[in-house]
Amino acid sequence: MSDAARRIYAAIAAIPPGRVASYGAIAARAGLPGRARLVGKLLGDTPDGLELPWYRVLRASGQIALPRDSDGFREQCQRLRAEGVEVKGGRVPLSRFGLDGDLDRALWGMPGD
């Protein structure tokens, strides 16, 4: 396994329950900014036996990347909701559930806080 793959898998594994991250955010946290597509490729090629919270990784828009009519899409929605993540129309509000959502809230406050 390459060093880049190890760093990306570690960044994915570090996403806590109830939070999500974009492919690009994972790449940046792994020290590989601009390599969002590599994150997607590696998720698709995850070695057997390596358990990752793959369902916590989304597009930069908060949209689930899998086709809406797929079993994977339904499973991803179900797993996220089980962790208390809001999923509406296949999209998660990153301002509330993204890894950096707490930082934004601390700095600027969020409506309803």
PDB file of N, CA and C in Angstrom:
ATOM      1  N   MET A   1       0.861  -1.177   0.000  1.00  0.00           N
ATOM      2  CA  MET A   1       0.000   0.000   0.000  1.00  0.00           C
ATOM      3  C   MET A   1       0.907   1.241   0.000  1.00  0.00           C
ATOM      4  N   SER A   2       0.562   2.198  -0.815  1.00  0.00           N
ATOM      5  CA  SER A   2       1.361   3.418  -0.914  1.00  0.00           C
ATOM      6  C   SER A   2       1.159   4.304   0.314  1.00  0.00           C
ATOM      7  N   ASP A   3       2.089   5.214   0.517  1.00  0.00           N
ATOM      8  CA  ASP A   3       1.990   6.167   1.617  1.00  0.00           C
ATOM      9  C   ASP A   3       0.736   7.028   1.459  1.00  0.00           C
ATOM     10  N   ALA A   4       0.437   7.457   0.241  1.00  0.00           N
ATOM     11  CA  ALA A   4      -0.757   8.274  -0.010  1.00  0.00           C
ATOM     12  C   ALA A   4      -2.014   7.507   0.377  1.00  0.00           C
ATOM     13  N   ALA A   5      -2.086   6.251   0.019  1.00  0.00           N
ATOM     14  CA  ALA A   5      -3.254   5.433   0.362  1.00  0.00           C
ATOM     15  C   ALA A   5      -3.381   5.299   1.874  1.00  0.00           C
ATOM     16  N   ARG A   6      -2.276   5.050   2.557  1.00  0.00           N
ATOM     17  CA  ARG A   6      -2.312   4.934   4.020  1.00  0.00           C
ATOM     18  C   ARG A   6      -2.838   6.220   4.659  1.00  0.00           C
ATOM     19  N   ARG A   7      -2.371   7.358   4.169  1.00  0.00           N
ATOM     20  CA  ARG A   7      -2.802   8.637   4.740  1.00  0.00           C
ATOM     21  C   ARG A   7      -4.281   8.893   4.470  1.00  0.00           C
ATOM     22  N   ILE A   8      -4.727   8.560   3.272  1.00  0.00           N
ATOM     23  CA  ILE A   8      -6.145   8.761   2.935  1.00  0.00           C
ATOM     24  C   ILE A   8      -7.026   7.839   3.765  1.00  0.00           C
ATOM     25  N   TYR A   9      -6.651   6.572   3.861  1.00  0.00           N
ATOM     26  CA  TYR A   9      -7.446   5.640   4.668  1.00  0.00           C
ATOM     27  C   TYR A   9      -7.470   6.075   6.131  1.00  0.00           C
ATOM     28  N   ALA A  10      -6.362   6.601   6.645  1.00  0.00           N
ATOM     29  CA  ALA A  10      -6.322   7.085   8.027  1.00  0.00           C
ATOM     30  C   ALA A  10      -7.253   8.284   8.207  1.00  0.00           C
ATOM     31  N   ALA A  11      -7.290   9.177   7.235  1.00  0.00           N
ATOM     32  CA  ALA A  11      -8.165  10.351   7.315  1.00  0.00           C
ATOM     33  C   ALA A  11      -9.633   9.936   7.294  1.00  0.00           C
ATOM     34  N   ILE A  12      -9.963   8.936   6.495  1.00  0.00           N
ATOM     35  CA  ILE A  12     -11.345   8.442   6.453  1.00  0.00           C
ATOM     36  C   ILE A  12     -11.696   7.775   7.781  1.00  0.00           C
ATOM     37  N   ALA A  13     -10.787   6.960   8.282  1.00  0.00           N
ATOM     38  CA  ALA A  13     -11.029   6.258   9.547  1.00  0.00           C
ATOM     39  C   ALA A  13     -11.230   7.230  10.708  1.00  0.00           C
ATOM     40  N   ALA A  14     -10.668   8.431  10.603  1.00  0.00           N
ATOM     41  CA  ALA A  14     -10.748   9.417  11.683  1.00  0.00           C
ATOM     42  C   ALA A  14     -12.034  10.234  11.685  1.00  0.00           C
ATOM     43  N   ILE A  15     -12.893  10.059  10.694  1.00  0.00           N
ATOM     44  CA  ILE A  15     -14.167  10.800  10.682  1.00  0.00           C
ATOM     45  C   ILE A  15     -15.025  10.232  11.812  1.00  0.00           C
ATOM     46  N   PRO A  16     -15.399  11.052  12.786  1.00  0.00           N
ATOM     47  CA  PRO A  16     -16.169  10.519  13.913  1.00  0.00           C
ATOM     48  C   PRO A  16     -17.625  10.248  13.541  1.00  0.00           C
ATOM     49  N   PRO A  17     -18.275   9.383  14.297  1.00  0.00           N
ATOM     50  CA  PRO A  17     -19.700   9.136  14.068  1.00  0.00           C
ATOM     51  C   PRO A  17     -20.492  10.438  14.137  1.00  0.00           C
ATOM     52  N   GLY A  18     -21.480  10.560  13.265  1.00  0.00           N
ATOM     53  CA  GLY A  18     -22.320  11.751  13.240  1.00  0.00           C
ATOM     54  C   GLY A  18     -21.732  12.907  12.455  1.00  0.00           C
ATOM     55  N   ARG A  19     -20.583  12.680  11.818  1.00  0.00           N
ATOM     56  CA  ARG A  19     -19.921  13.702  11.001  1.00  0.00           C
ATOM     57  C   ARG A  19     -19.655  13.137   9.610  1.00  0.00           C
ATOM     58  N   VAL A  20     -19.499  14.029   8.656  1.00  0.00           N
ATOM     59  CA  VAL A  20     -19.177  13.643   7.282  1.00  0.00           C
ATOM     60  C   VAL A  20     -18.052  14.536   6.776  1.00  0.00           C
ATOM     61  N   ALA A  21     -17.439  14.121   5.678  1.00  0.00           N
ATOM     62  CA  ALA A  21     -16.385  14.914   5.045  1.00  0.00           C
ATOM     63  C   ALA A  21     -16.471  14.717   3.547  1.00  0.00           C
ATOM     64  N   SER A  22     -16.053  15.724   2.809  1.00  0.00           N
ATOM     65  CA  SER A  22     -16.026  15.606   1.352  1.00  0.00           C
ATOM     66  C   SER A  22     -14.763  14.879   0.920  1.00  0.00           C
ATOM     67  N   TYR A  23     -14.794  14.390  -0.301  1.00  0.00           N
ATOM     68  CA  TYR A  23     -13.612  13.746  -0.864  1.00  0.00           C
ATOM     69  C   TYR A  23     -12.422  14.702  -0.812  1.00  0.00           C
ATOM     70  N   GLY A  24     -12.665  15.968  -1.149  1.00  0.00           N
ATOM     71  CA  GLY A  24     -11.607  16.967  -1.145  1.00  0.00           C
ATOM     72  C   GLY A  24     -11.071  17.247   0.251  1.00  0.00           C
ATOM     73  N   ALA A  25     -11.954  17.281   1.244  1.00  0.00           N
ATOM     74  CA  ALA A  25     -11.520  17.515   2.621  1.00  0.00           C
ATOM     75  C   ALA A  25     -10.652  16.360   3.112  1.00  0.00           C
ATOM     76  N   ILE A  26     -11.006  15.153   2.726  1.00  0.00           N
ATOM     77  CA  ILE A  26     -10.198  13.987   3.107  1.00  0.00           C
ATOM     78  C   ILE A  26      -8.821  14.094   2.465  1.00  0.00           C
ATOM     79  N   ALA A  27      -8.786  14.442   1.192  1.00  0.00           N
ATOM     80  CA  ALA A  27      -7.498  14.594   0.498  1.00  0.00           C
ATOM     81  C   ALA A  27      -6.644  15.646   1.198  1.00  0.00           C
ATOM     82  N   ALA A  28      -7.246  16.778   1.551  1.00  0.00           N
ATOM     83  CA  ALA A  28      -6.498  17.844   2.215  1.00  0.00           C
ATOM     84  C   ALA A  28      -5.982  17.386   3.578  1.00  0.00           C
ATOM     85  N   ARG A  29      -6.813  16.706   4.334  1.00  0.00           N
ATOM     86  CA  ARG A  29      -6.395  16.224   5.654  1.00  0.00           C
ATOM     87  C   ARG A  29      -5.294  15.178   5.540  1.00  0.00           C
ATOM     88  N   ALA A  30      -5.240  14.481   4.426  1.00  0.00           N
ATOM     89  CA  ALA A  30      -4.193  13.483   4.191  1.00  0.00           C
ATOM     90  C   ALA A  30      -2.919  14.123   3.639  1.00  0.00           C
ATOM     91  N   GLY A  31      -2.948  15.454   3.471  1.00  0.00           N
ATOM     92  CA  GLY A  31      -1.782  16.145   2.932  1.00  0.00           C
ATOM     93  C   GLY A  31      -1.678  16.064   1.425  1.00  0.00           C
ATOM     94  N   LEU A  32      -2.812  15.818   0.777  1.00  0.00           N
ATOM     95  CA  LEU A  32      -2.859  15.671  -0.679  1.00  0.00           C
ATOM     96  C   LEU A  32      -3.939  16.581  -1.277  1.00  0.00           C
ATOM     97  N   PRO A  33      -3.840  17.888  -1.045  1.00  0.00           N
ATOM     98  CA  PRO A  33      -4.886  18.780  -1.551  1.00  0.00           C
ATOM     99  C   PRO A  33      -5.047  18.648  -3.065  1.00  0.00           C
ATOM    100  N   GLY A  34      -6.293  18.731  -3.492  1.00  0.00           N
ATOM    101  CA  GLY A  34      -6.580  18.629  -4.920  1.00  0.00           C
ATOM    102  C   GLY A  34      -6.678  17.201  -5.433  1.00  0.00           C
ATOM    103  N   ARG A  35      -6.597  16.225  -4.550  1.00  0.00           N
ATOM    104  CA  ARG A  35      -6.618  14.821  -4.978  1.00  0.00           C
ATOM    105  C   ARG A  35      -7.920  14.118  -4.583  1.00  0.00           C
ATOM    106  N   ALA A  36      -9.039  14.819  -4.676  1.00  0.00           N
ATOM    107  CA  ALA A  36     -10.340  14.254  -4.309  1.00  0.00           C
ATOM    108  C   ALA A  36     -10.651  12.992  -5.108  1.00  0.00           C
ATOM    109  N   ARG A  37     -10.295  12.984  -6.384  1.00  0.00           N
ATOM    110  CA  ARG A  37     -10.581  11.794  -7.199  1.00  0.00           C
ATOM    111  C   ARG A  37      -9.788  10.578  -6.725  1.00  0.00           C
ATOM    112  N   LEU A  38      -8.588  10.820  -6.210  1.00  0.00           N
ATOM    113  CA  LEU A  38      -7.808   9.718  -5.656  1.00  0.00           C
ATOM    114  C   LEU A  38      -8.516   9.125  -4.448  1.00  0.00           C
ATOM    115  N   VAL A  39      -9.127   9.970  -3.639  1.00  0.00           N
ATOM    116  CA  VAL A  39      -9.891   9.484  -2.487  1.00  0.00           C
ATOM    117  C   VAL A  39     -11.012   8.562  -2.963  1.00  0.00           C
ATOM    118  N   GLY A  40     -11.758   8.993  -3.978  1.00  0.00           N
ATOM    119  CA  GLY A  40     -12.837   8.163  -4.518  1.00  0.00           C
ATOM    120  C   GLY A  40     -12.328   6.848  -5.069  1.00  0.00           C
ATOM    121  N   LYS A  41     -11.222   6.898  -5.786  1.00  0.00           N
ATOM    122  CA  LYS A  41     -10.648   5.676  -6.359  1.00  0.00           C
ATOM    123  C   LYS A  41     -10.230   4.709  -5.259  1.00  0.00           C
ATOM    124  N   LEU A  42      -9.556   5.244  -4.235  1.00  0.00           N
ATOM    125  CA  LEU A  42      -9.104   4.379  -3.147  1.00  0.00           C
ATOM    126  C   LEU A  42     -10.264   3.805  -2.344  1.00  0.00           C
ATOM    127  N   LEU A  43     -11.324   4.580  -2.185  1.00  0.00           N
ATOM    128  CA  LEU A  43     -12.503   4.027  -1.506  1.00  0.00           C
ATOM    129  C   LEU A  43     -13.066   2.839  -2.281  1.00  0.00           C
ATOM    130  N   GLY A  44     -13.076   2.960  -3.597  1.00  0.00           N
ATOM    131  CA  GLY A  44     -13.554   1.866  -4.431  1.00  0.00           C
ATOM    132  C   GLY A  44     -12.630   0.661  -4.430  1.00  0.00           C
ATOM    133  N   ASP A  45     -11.359   0.901  -4.099  1.00  0.00           N
ATOM    134  CA  ASP A  45     -10.354  -0.166  -4.094  1.00  0.00           C
ATOM    135  C   ASP A  45      -9.916  -0.538  -2.680  1.00  0.00           C
ATOM    136  N   THR A  46     -10.745  -0.264  -1.683  1.00  0.00           N
ATOM    137  CA  THR A  46     -10.362  -0.552  -0.299  1.00  0.00           C
ATOM    138  C   THR A  46     -10.014  -2.027  -0.157  1.00  0.00           C
ATOM    139  N   PRO A  47      -8.848  -2.321   0.428  1.00  0.00           N
ATOM    140  CA  PRO A  47      -8.438  -3.712   0.594  1.00  0.00           C
ATOM    141  C   PRO A  47      -9.418  -4.499   1.461  1.00  0.00           C
ATOM    142  N   ASP A  48      -9.580  -5.774   1.135  1.00  0.00           N
ATOM    143  CA  ASP A  48     -10.432  -6.647   1.939  1.00  0.00           C
ATOM    144  C   ASP A  48      -9.942  -6.646   3.382  1.00  0.00           C
ATOM    145  N   GLY A  49     -10.873  -6.594   4.297  1.00  0.00           N
ATOM    146  CA  GLY A  49     -10.538  -6.630   5.708  1.00  0.00           C
ATOM    147  C   GLY A  49     -10.301  -5.262   6.329  1.00  0.00           C
ATOM    148  N   LEU A  50     -10.175  -4.218   5.514  1.00  0.00           N
ATOM    149  CA  LEU A  50      -9.987  -2.870   6.041  1.00  0.00           C
ATOM    150  C   LEU A  50     -11.363  -2.233   6.195  1.00  0.00           C
ATOM    151  N   GLU A  51     -11.794  -2.088   7.423  1.00  0.00           N
ATOM    152  CA  GLU A  51     -13.116  -1.529   7.701  1.00  0.00           C
ATOM    153  C   GLU A  51     -13.009  -0.007   7.808  1.00  0.00           C
ATOM    154  N   LEU A  52     -13.713   0.686   6.951  1.00  0.00           N
ATOM    155  CA  LEU A  52     -13.709   2.148   6.947  1.00  0.00           C
ATOM    156  C   LEU A  52     -15.139   2.675   6.985  1.00  0.00           C
ATOM    157  N   PRO A  53     -15.346   3.840   7.581  1.00  0.00           N
ATOM    158  CA  PRO A  53     -16.674   4.461   7.535  1.00  0.00           C
ATOM    159  C   PRO A  53     -16.871   5.173   6.191  1.00  0.00           C
ATOM    160  N   TRP A  54     -16.859   4.399   5.121  1.00  0.00           N
ATOM    161  CA  TRP A  54     -16.956   4.917   3.750  1.00  0.00           C
ATOM    162  C   TRP A  54     -18.176   5.793   3.548  1.00  0.00           C
ATOM    163  N   TYR A  55     -19.233   5.490   4.269  1.00  0.00           N
ATOM    164  CA  TYR A  55     -20.509   6.182   4.086  1.00  0.00           C
ATOM    165  C   TYR A  55     -20.469   7.619   4.602  1.00  0.00           C
ATOM    166  N   ARG A  56     -19.419   7.990   5.321  1.00  0.00           N
ATOM    167  CA  ARG A  56     -19.275   9.355   5.829  1.00  0.00           C
ATOM    168  C   ARG A  56     -18.571  10.279   4.835  1.00  0.00           C
ATOM    169  N   VAL A  57     -18.233   9.775   3.655  1.00  0.00           N
ATOM    170  CA  VAL A  57     -17.542  10.572   2.641  1.00  0.00           C
ATOM    171  C   VAL A  57     -18.532  10.944   1.538  1.00  0.00           C
ATOM    172  N   LEU A  58     -18.627  12.247   1.253  1.00  0.00           N
ATOM    173  CA  LEU A  58     -19.610  12.778   0.315  1.00  0.00           C
ATOM    174  C   LEU A  58     -18.958  13.727  -0.678  1.00  0.00           C
ATOM    175  N   ARG A  59     -19.727  14.139  -1.655  1.00  0.00           N
ATOM    176  CA  ARG A  59     -19.266  15.193  -2.573  1.00  0.00           C
ATOM    177  C   ARG A  59     -19.156  16.513  -1.811  1.00  0.00           C
ATOM    178  N   ALA A  60     -18.444  17.460  -2.391  1.00  0.00           N
ATOM    179  CA  ALA A  60     -18.243  18.769  -1.756  1.00  0.00           C
ATOM    180  C   ALA A  60     -19.561  19.486  -1.498  1.00  0.00           C
ATOM    181  N   SER A  61     -20.584  19.165  -2.260  1.00  0.00           N
ATOM    182  CA  SER A  61     -21.907  19.774  -2.088  1.00  0.00           C
ATOM    183  C   SER A  61     -22.701  19.131  -0.952  1.00  0.00           C
ATOM    184  N   GLY A  62     -22.170  18.049  -0.388  1.00  0.00           N
ATOM    185  CA  GLY A  62     -22.902  17.291   0.626  1.00  0.00           C
ATOM    186  C   GLY A  62     -23.740  16.183   0.027  1.00  0.00           C
ATOM    187  N   GLN A  63     -23.713  16.063  -1.286  1.00  0.00           N
ATOM    188  CA  GLN A  63     -24.502  15.065  -2.004  1.00  0.00           C
ATOM    189  C   GLN A  63     -23.831  13.693  -1.925  1.00  0.00           C
ATOM    190  N   ILE A  64     -24.631  12.677  -1.788  1.00  0.00           N
ATOM    191  CA  ILE A  64     -24.135  11.298  -1.867  1.00  0.00           C
ATOM    192  C   ILE A  64     -23.757  11.037  -3.317  1.00  0.00           C
ATOM    193  N   ALA A  65     -22.599  10.438  -3.527  1.00  0.00           N
ATOM    194  CA  ALA A  65     -22.067  10.260  -4.885  1.00  0.00           C
ATOM    195  C   ALA A  65     -22.637   9.038  -5.609  1.00  0.00           C
ATOM    196  N   LEU A  66     -23.192   8.101  -4.888  1.00  0.00           N
ATOM    197  CA  LEU A  66     -23.713   6.883  -5.512  1.00  0.00           C
ATOM    198  C   LEU A  66     -25.029   7.162  -6.238  1.00  0.00           C
ATOM    199  N   PRO A  67     -25.344   6.394  -7.260  1.00  0.00           N
ATOM    200  CA  PRO A  67     -26.621   6.584  -7.973  1.00  0.00           C
ATOM    201  C   PRO A  67     -27.814   6.405  -7.031  1.00  0.00           C
ATOM    202  N   ARG A  68     -28.787   7.292  -7.156  1.00  0.00           N
ATOM    203  CA  ARG A  68     -29.957   7.287  -6.270  1.00  0.00           C
ATOM    204  C   ARG A  68     -30.699   5.952  -6.195  1.00  0.00           C
ATOM    205  N   ASP A  69     -30.729   5.229  -7.278  1.00  0.00           N
ATOM    206  CA  ASP A  69     -31.507   3.989  -7.290  1.00  0.00           C
ATOM    207  C   ASP A  69     -30.673   2.770  -6.890  1.00  0.00           C
ATOM    208  N   SER A  70     -29.476   2.978  -6.375  1.00  0.00           N
ATOM    209  CA  SER A  70     -28.597   1.854  -6.037  1.00  0.00           C
ATOM    210  C   SER A  70     -28.777   1.415  -4.580  1.00  0.00           C
ATOM    211  N   ASP A  71     -28.436   0.153  -4.328  1.00  0.00           N
ATOM    212  CA  ASP A  71     -28.444  -0.354  -2.960  1.00  0.00           C
ATOM    213  C   ASP A  71     -27.450   0.413  -2.099  1.00  0.00           C
ATOM    214  N   GLY A  72     -26.312   0.781  -2.671  1.00  0.00           N
ATOM    215  CA  GLY A  72     -25.296   1.524  -1.938  1.00  0.00           C
ATOM    216  C   GLY A  72     -25.798   2.876  -1.467  1.00  0.00           C
ATOM    217  N   PHE A  73     -26.567   3.563  -2.319  1.00  0.00           N
ATOM    218  CA  PHE A  73     -27.158   4.854  -1.952  1.00  0.00           C
ATOM    219  C   PHE A  73     -28.078   4.680  -0.749  1.00  0.00           C
ATOM    220  N   ARG A  74     -28.952   3.679  -0.821  1.00  0.00           N
ATOM    221  CA  ARG A  74     -29.890   3.439   0.282  1.00  0.00           C
ATOM    222  C   ARG A  74     -29.139   3.066   1.561  1.00  0.00           C
ATOM    223  N   GLU A  75     -28.096   2.238   1.426  1.00  0.00           N
ATOM    224  CA  GLU A  75     -27.315   1.849   2.596  1.00  0.00           C
ATOM    225  C   GLU A  75     -26.603   3.062   3.200  1.00  0.00           C
ATOM    226  N   GLN A  76     -26.040   3.927   2.356  1.00  0.00           N
ATOM    227  CA  GLN A  76     -25.339   5.099   2.852  1.00  0.00           C
ATOM    228  C   GLN A  76     -26.308   6.009   3.605  1.00  0.00           C
ATOM    229  N   CYS A  77     -27.475   6.253   3.040  1.00  0.00           N
ATOM    230  CA  CYS A  77     -28.491   7.072   3.723  1.00  0.00           C
ATOM    231  C   CYS A  77     -28.863   6.458   5.072  1.00  0.00           C
ATOM    232  N   GLN A  78     -29.092   5.161   5.073  1.00  0.00           N
ATOM    233  CA  GLN A  78     -29.494   4.465   6.292  1.00  0.00           C
ATOM    234  C   GLN A  78     -28.413   4.554   7.373  1.00  0.00           C
ATOM    235  N   ARG A  79     -27.160   4.318   6.992  1.00  0.00           N
ATOM    236  CA  ARG A  79     -26.063   4.372   7.967  1.00  0.00           C
ATOM    237  C   ARG A  79     -25.883   5.779   8.519  1.00  0.00           C
ATOM    238  N   LEU A  80     -25.962   6.776   7.660  1.00  0.00           N
ATOM    239  CA  LEU A  80     -25.819   8.158   8.132  1.00  0.00           C
ATOM    240  C   LEU A  80     -26.952   8.525   9.086  1.00  0.00           C
ATOM    241  N   ARG A  81     -28.164   8.200   8.719  1.00  0.00           N
ATOM    242  CA  ARG A  81     -29.308   8.520   9.583  1.00  0.00           C
ATOM    243  C   ARG A  81     -29.199   7.804  10.922  1.00  0.00           C
ATOM    244  N   ALA A  82     -28.687   6.576  10.920  1.00  0.00           N
ATOM    245  CA  ALA A  82     -28.510   5.823  12.167  1.00  0.00           C
ATOM    246  C   ALA A  82     -27.541   6.531  13.114  1.00  0.00           C
ATOM    247  N   GLU A  83     -26.650   7.355  12.562  1.00  0.00           N
ATOM    248  CA  GLU A  83     -25.709   8.119  13.380  1.00  0.00           C
ATOM    249  C   GLU A  83     -26.222   9.525  13.695  1.00  0.00           C
ATOM    250  N   GLY A  84     -27.473   9.809  13.299  1.00  0.00           N
ATOM    251  CA  GLY A  84     -28.066  11.096  13.587  1.00  0.00           C
ATOM    252  C   GLY A  84     -27.790  12.171  12.557  1.00  0.00           C
ATOM    253  N   VAL A  85     -27.246  11.778  11.396  1.00  0.00           N
ATOM    254  CA  VAL A  85     -26.948  12.739  10.330  1.00  0.00           C
ATOM    255  C   VAL A  85     -28.203  12.949   9.495  1.00  0.00           C
ATOM    256  N   GLU A  86     -28.540  14.195   9.251  1.00  0.00           N
ATOM    257  CA  GLU A  86     -29.706  14.540   8.441  1.00  0.00           C
ATOM    258  C   GLU A  86     -29.388  14.331   6.960  1.00  0.00           C
ATOM    259  N   VAL A  87     -30.214  13.538   6.293  1.00  0.00           N
ATOM    260  CA  VAL A  87     -30.076  13.305   4.856  1.00  0.00           C
ATOM    261  C   VAL A  87     -31.420  13.622   4.221  1.00  0.00           C
ATOM    262  N   LYS A  88     -31.447  14.632   3.355  1.00  0.00           N
ATOM    263  CA  LYS A  88     -32.675  14.997   2.647  1.00  0.00           C
ATOM    264  C   LYS A  88     -32.366  15.072   1.168  1.00  0.00           C
ATOM    265  N   GLY A  89     -33.091  14.306   0.380  1.00  0.00           N
ATOM    266  CA  GLY A  89     -32.877  14.310  -1.058  1.00  0.00           C
ATOM    267  C   GLY A  89     -31.473  13.862  -1.441  1.00  0.00           C
ATOM    268  N   GLY A  90     -30.899  12.994  -0.629  1.00  0.00           N
ATOM    269  CA  GLY A  90     -29.558  12.492  -0.910  1.00  0.00           C
ATOM    270  C   GLY A  90     -28.450  13.473  -0.582  1.00  0.00           C
ATOM    271  N   ARG A  91     -28.766  14.489   0.214  1.00  0.00           N
ATOM    272  CA  ARG A  91     -27.780  15.525   0.557  1.00  0.00           C
ATOM    273  C   ARG A  91     -27.738  15.738   2.069  1.00  0.00           C
ATOM    274  N   VAL A  92     -26.532  16.013   2.557  1.00  0.00           N
ATOM    275  CA  VAL A  92     -26.298  16.288   3.976  1.00  0.00           C
ATOM    276  C   VAL A  92     -25.867  17.747   4.109  1.00  0.00           C
ATOM    277  N   PRO A  93     -26.459  18.507   5.036  1.00  0.00           N
ATOM    278  CA  PRO A  93     -26.005  19.885   5.243  1.00  0.00           C
ATOM    279  C   PRO A  93     -24.626  19.890   5.924  1.00  0.00           C
ATOM    280  N   LEU A  94     -23.604  20.201   5.142  1.00  0.00           N
ATOM    281  CA  LEU A  94     -22.237  20.167   5.660  1.00  0.00           C
ATOM    282  C   LEU A  94     -22.007  21.197   6.759  1.00  0.00           C
ATOM    283  N   SER A  95     -22.773  22.283   6.739  1.00  0.00           N
ATOM    284  CA  SER A  95     -22.608  23.306   7.775  1.00  0.00           C
ATOM    285  C   SER A  95     -22.960  22.761   9.154  1.00  0.00           C
ATOM    286  N   ARG A  96     -23.779  21.726   9.200  1.00  0.00           N
ATOM    287  CA  ARG A  96     -24.181  21.130  10.486  1.00  0.00           C
ATOM    288  C   ARG A  96     -23.461  19.827  10.783  1.00  0.00           C
ATOM    289  N   PHE A  97     -23.136  19.051   9.755  1.00  0.00           N
ATOM    290  CA  PHE A  97     -22.599  17.716   9.989  1.00  0.00           C
ATOM    291  C   PHE A  97     -21.188  17.504   9.445  1.00  0.00           C
ATOM    292  N   GLY A  98     -20.655  18.500   8.749  1.00  0.00           N
ATOM    293  CA  GLY A  98     -19.304  18.386   8.226  1.00  0.00           C
ATOM    294  C   GLY A  98     -18.260  18.469   9.328  1.00  0.00           C
ATOM    295  N   LEU A  99     -17.085  17.952   9.065  1.00  0.00           N
ATOM    296  CA  LEU A  99     -16.009  17.980  10.055  1.00  0.00           C
ATOM    297  C   LEU A  99     -15.689  19.388  10.520  1.00  0.00           C
ATOM    298  N   ASP A 100     -15.812  20.369   9.638  1.00  0.00           N
ATOM    299  CA  ASP A 100     -15.478  21.742   9.985  1.00  0.00           C
ATOM    300  C   ASP A 100     -16.683  22.534  10.473  1.00  0.00           C
ATOM    301  N   GLY A 101     -17.837  21.893  10.587  1.00  0.00           N
ATOM    302  CA  GLY A 101     -19.039  22.582  11.040  1.00  0.00           C
ATOM    303  C   GLY A 101     -18.892  23.164  12.426  1.00  0.00           C
ATOM    304  N   ASP A 102     -18.197  22.456  13.333  1.00  0.00           N
ATOM    305  CA  ASP A 102     -18.009  22.963  14.687  1.00  0.00           C
ATOM    306  C   ASP A 102     -17.148  24.223  14.687  1.00  0.00           C
ATOM    307  N   LEU A 103     -16.138  24.256  13.829  1.00  0.00           N
ATOM    308  CA  LEU A 103     -15.282  25.433  13.744  1.00  0.00           C
ATOM    309  C   LEU A 103     -16.080  26.637  13.251  1.00  0.00           C
ATOM    310  N   ASP A 104     -16.887  26.433  12.213  1.00  0.00           N
ATOM    311  CA  ASP A 104     -17.734  27.522  11.712  1.00  0.00           C
ATOM    312  C   ASP A 104     -18.680  28.016  12.806  1.00  0.00           C
ATOM    313  N   ARG A 105     -19.269  27.097  13.529  1.00  0.00           N
ATOM    314  CA  ARG A 105     -20.213  27.468  14.584  1.00  0.00           C
ATOM    315  C   ARG A 105     -19.484  28.249  15.681  1.00  0.00           C
ATOM    316  N   ALA A 106     -18.299  27.803  16.057  1.00  0.00           N
ATOM    317  CA  ALA A 106     -17.544  28.478  17.114  1.00  0.00           C
ATOM    318  C   ALA A 106     -17.147  29.896  16.697  1.00  0.00           C
ATOM    319  N   LEU A 107     -16.768  30.056  15.447  1.00  0.00           N
ATOM    320  CA  LEU A 107     -16.314  31.359  14.979  1.00  0.00           C
ATOM    321  C   LEU A 107     -17.449  32.325  14.687  1.00  0.00           C
ATOM    322  N   TRP A 108     -18.481  31.831  14.009  1.00  0.00           N
ATOM    323  CA  TRP A 108     -19.509  32.716  13.484  1.00  0.00           C
ATOM    324  C   TRP A 108     -20.882  32.527  14.103  1.00  0.00           C
ATOM    325  N   GLY A 109     -21.086  31.441  14.807  1.00  0.00           N
ATOM    326  CA  GLY A 109     -22.406  31.122  15.310  1.00  0.00           C
ATOM    327  C   GLY A 109     -23.274  30.623  14.179  1.00  0.00           C
ATOM    328  N   MET A 110     -24.266  29.875  14.511  1.00  0.00           N
ATOM    329  CA  MET A 110     -25.168  29.333  13.505  1.00  0.00           C
ATOM    330  C   MET A 110     -26.579  29.712  13.908  1.00  0.00           C
ATOM    331  N   PRO A 111     -27.455  29.914  12.942  1.00  0.00           N
ATOM    332  CA  PRO A 111     -28.841  30.230  13.272  1.00  0.00           C
ATOM    333  C   PRO A 111     -29.415  29.181  14.212  1.00  0.00           C
ATOM    334  N   GLY A 112     -30.088  29.625  15.246  1.00  0.00           N
ATOM    335  CA  GLY A 112     -30.702  28.708  16.188  1.00  0.00           C
ATOM    336  C   GLY A 112     -29.801  28.351  17.357  1.00  0.00           C
ATOM    337  N   ASP A 113     -28.550  28.803  17.342  1.00  0.00           N
ATOM    338  CA  ASP A 113     -27.652  28.499  18.478  1.00  0.00           C
ATOM    339  C   ASP A 113     -27.937  29.434  19.628  1.00  0.00           C
TER     340      ASP A 113
END
